Amino acid sequence: MKLFVVRHQHEAARCPARNPEMGVLLLQHLSAANAERHGIRIHGEGVLDGQHTLFLILEAEDEAAVRRYMAPFAQAGTVDIWPASPCEAVVTRQGC
């Protein structure tokens, strides 16, 4: 399994959290059980207050799995995915 950092951004007018039904769907999609069904493990998530920007730290087999999991977010805005490493791995290999 590989580690990825994901950023999703959307316009304020398209914010799913403003719609109660979409908010429920968002939380269901981000649940550990649902992520696991997609072959994803969520290590962390956070939304930048007032910025309509969500960051996720995910573990998956490959970037394609992350893209499939993030497909609903891509309908509302942008999705950027970066390969990442735990700090311990960076220190072990002696560099970023």
C-alpha atoms as a PDB file:
ATOM      1  CA  MET A   1       0.000   0.000   0.000  1.00  0.00           C
ATOM      2  CA  LYS A   2       1.183   3.505  -0.827  1.00  0.00           C
ATOM      3  CA  LEU A   3       0.563   6.818   0.892  1.00  0.00           C
ATOM      4  CA  PHE A   4      -1.080   9.796  -0.854  1.00  0.00           C
ATOM      5  CA  VAL A   5      -1.999  13.353   0.069  1.00  0.00           C
ATOM      6  CA  VAL A   6      -5.150  14.570  -1.660  1.00  0.00           C
ATOM      7  CA  ARG A   7      -6.556  18.081  -2.002  1.00  0.00           C
ATOM      8  CA  HIS A   8     -10.112  18.760  -3.118  1.00  0.00           C
ATOM      9  CA  GLN A   9     -11.289  22.324  -3.754  1.00  0.00           C
ATOM     10  CA  HIS A  10     -14.665  23.636  -4.851  1.00  0.00           C
ATOM     11  CA  GLU A  11     -16.348  27.010  -5.260  1.00  0.00           C
ATOM     12  CA  ALA A  12     -18.424  28.318  -2.356  1.00  0.00           C
ATOM     13  CA  ALA A  13     -21.568  28.081  -4.484  1.00  0.00           C
ATOM     14  CA  ARG A  14     -20.935  24.341  -4.981  1.00  0.00           C
ATOM     15  CA  CYS A  15     -20.171  23.530  -1.335  1.00  0.00           C
ATOM     16  CA  PRO A  16     -21.778  20.142  -0.573  1.00  0.00           C
ATOM     17  CA  ALA A  17     -21.810  20.877   3.167  1.00  0.00           C
ATOM     18  CA  ARG A  18     -24.470  23.557   2.592  1.00  0.00           C
ATOM     19  CA  ASN A  19     -26.941  20.947   1.371  1.00  0.00           C
ATOM     20  CA  PRO A  20     -28.066  18.642   4.225  1.00  0.00           C
ATOM     21  CA  GLU A  21     -28.577  15.653   1.905  1.00  0.00           C
ATOM     22  CA  MET A  22     -25.219  16.124   0.206  1.00  0.00           C
ATOM     23  CA  GLY A  23     -23.569  16.548   3.595  1.00  0.00           C
ATOM     24  CA  VAL A  24     -24.864  13.146   4.687  1.00  0.00           C
ATOM     25  CA  LEU A  25     -23.599  11.567   1.458  1.00  0.00           C
ATOM     26  CA  LEU A  26     -20.223  13.253   1.945  1.00  0.00           C
ATOM     27  CA  LEU A  27     -19.846  11.842   5.453  1.00  0.00           C
ATOM     28  CA  GLN A  28     -20.939   8.395   4.291  1.00  0.00           C
ATOM     29  CA  HIS A  29     -18.387   8.459   1.473  1.00  0.00           C
ATOM     30  CA  LEU A  30     -15.625   9.488   3.895  1.00  0.00           C
ATOM     31  CA  SER A  31     -16.517   6.777   6.425  1.00  0.00           C
ATOM     32  CA  ALA A  32     -13.830   4.200   7.169  1.00  0.00           C
ATOM     33  CA  ALA A  33     -16.141   1.362   6.114  1.00  0.00           C
ATOM     34  CA  ASN A  34     -16.880   2.904   2.722  1.00  0.00           C
ATOM     35  CA  ALA A  35     -13.245   3.790   2.112  1.00  0.00           C
ATOM     36  CA  GLU A  36     -12.279   0.205   2.915  1.00  0.00           C
ATOM     37  CA  ARG A  37     -14.774  -1.065   0.315  1.00  0.00           C
ATOM     38  CA  HIS A  38     -12.832   1.051  -2.212  1.00  0.00           C
ATOM     39  CA  GLY A  39      -9.480  -0.333  -1.054  1.00  0.00           C
ATOM     40  CA  ILE A  40      -8.649   2.937   0.718  1.00  0.00           C
ATOM     41  CA  ARG A  41      -7.496   3.597   4.275  1.00  0.00           C
ATOM     42  CA  ILE A  42      -8.029   7.138   5.553  1.00  0.00           C
ATOM     43  CA  HIS A  43      -5.214   8.274   7.837  1.00  0.00           C
ATOM     44  CA  GLY A  44      -6.558  11.797   8.287  1.00  0.00           C
ATOM     45  CA  GLU A  45      -8.791  14.483   6.881  1.00  0.00           C
ATOM     46  CA  GLY A  46      -9.351  18.168   7.438  1.00  0.00           C
ATOM     47  CA  VAL A  47     -11.127  21.096   5.838  1.00  0.00           C
ATOM     48  CA  LEU A  48      -9.520  24.541   5.764  1.00  0.00           C
ATOM     49  CA  ASP A  49     -12.136  26.763   7.398  1.00  0.00           C
ATOM     50  CA  GLY A  50     -13.735  29.148   4.927  1.00  0.00           C
ATOM     51  CA  GLN A  51     -11.490  27.964   2.068  1.00  0.00           C
ATOM     52  CA  HIS A  52     -13.659  25.170   0.604  1.00  0.00           C
ATOM     53  CA  THR A  53     -10.558  22.980   0.590  1.00  0.00           C
ATOM     54  CA  LEU A  54     -10.385  19.411   1.911  1.00  0.00           C
ATOM     55  CA  PHE A  55      -7.111  17.574   2.545  1.00  0.00           C
ATOM     56  CA  LEU A  56      -6.925  13.811   2.979  1.00  0.00           C
ATOM     57  CA  ILE A  57      -4.069  11.469   3.816  1.00  0.00           C
ATOM     58  CA  LEU A  58      -4.927   8.149   2.193  1.00  0.00           C
ATOM     59  CA  GLU A  59      -3.341   4.759   1.791  1.00  0.00           C
ATOM     60  CA  ALA A  60      -4.142   2.798  -1.366  1.00  0.00           C
ATOM     61  CA  GLU A  61      -2.702   0.269  -3.778  1.00  0.00           C
ATOM     62  CA  ASP A  62      -2.070   2.954  -6.399  1.00  0.00           C
ATOM     63  CA  GLU A  63      -3.077   6.417  -7.597  1.00  0.00           C
ATOM     64  CA  ALA A  64      -5.786   4.962  -9.842  1.00  0.00           C
ATOM     65  CA  ALA A  65      -7.597   3.608  -6.765  1.00  0.00           C
ATOM     66  CA  VAL A  66      -7.425   7.052  -5.156  1.00  0.00           C
ATOM     67  CA  ARG A  67      -8.797   8.677  -8.341  1.00  0.00           C
ATOM     68  CA  ARG A  68     -11.717   6.242  -8.416  1.00  0.00           C
ATOM     69  CA  TYR A  69     -12.473   6.913  -4.748  1.00  0.00           C
ATOM     70  CA  MET A  70     -12.279  10.685  -5.262  1.00  0.00           C
ATOM     71  CA  ALA A  71     -14.481  10.682  -8.394  1.00  0.00           C
ATOM     72  CA  PRO A  72     -17.539  12.144  -6.577  1.00  0.00           C
ATOM     73  CA  PHE A  73     -15.398  15.072  -5.394  1.00  0.00           C
ATOM     74  CA  ALA A  74     -14.163  15.708  -8.933  1.00  0.00           C
ATOM     75  CA  GLN A  75     -17.780  16.365  -9.938  1.00  0.00           C
ATOM     76  CA  ALA A  76     -17.914  19.331  -7.543  1.00  0.00           C
ATOM     77  CA  GLY A  77     -14.427  20.764  -8.054  1.00  0.00           C
ATOM     78  CA  THR A  78     -10.777  19.879  -8.447  1.00  0.00           C
ATOM     79  CA  VAL A  79      -8.890  16.895  -7.056  1.00  0.00           C
ATOM     80  CA  ASP A  80      -5.097  16.877  -6.782  1.00  0.00           C
ATOM     81  CA  ILE A  81      -3.226  13.745  -5.702  1.00  0.00           C
ATOM     82  CA  TRP A  82       0.401  13.551  -4.613  1.00  0.00           C
ATOM     83  CA  PRO A  83       2.433  10.470  -3.653  1.00  0.00           C
ATOM     84  CA  ALA A  84       3.726  10.854  -0.110  1.00  0.00           C
ATOM     85  CA  SER A  85       5.844   9.140   2.519  1.00  0.00           C
ATOM     86  CA  PRO A  86       5.754   8.948   6.303  1.00  0.00           C
ATOM     87  CA  CYS A  87       8.469  11.028   8.002  1.00  0.00           C
ATOM     88  CA  GLU A  88      10.192   7.863   9.209  1.00  0.00           C
ATOM     89  CA  ALA A  89      10.628   6.668   5.613  1.00  0.00           C
ATOM     90  CA  VAL A  90      12.064  10.034   4.556  1.00  0.00           C
ATOM     91  CA  VAL A  91      14.600   9.958   7.400  1.00  0.00           C
ATOM     92  CA  THR A  92      15.506   6.331   6.648  1.00  0.00           C
ATOM     93  CA  ARG A  93      16.224   7.130   2.998  1.00  0.00           C
ATOM     94  CA  GLN A  94      17.945  10.365   4.081  1.00  0.00           C
ATOM     95  CA  GLY A  95      15.900  12.783   2.019  1.00  0.00           C
ATOM     96  CA  CYS A  96      12.574  13.850   0.670  1.00  0.00           C
END
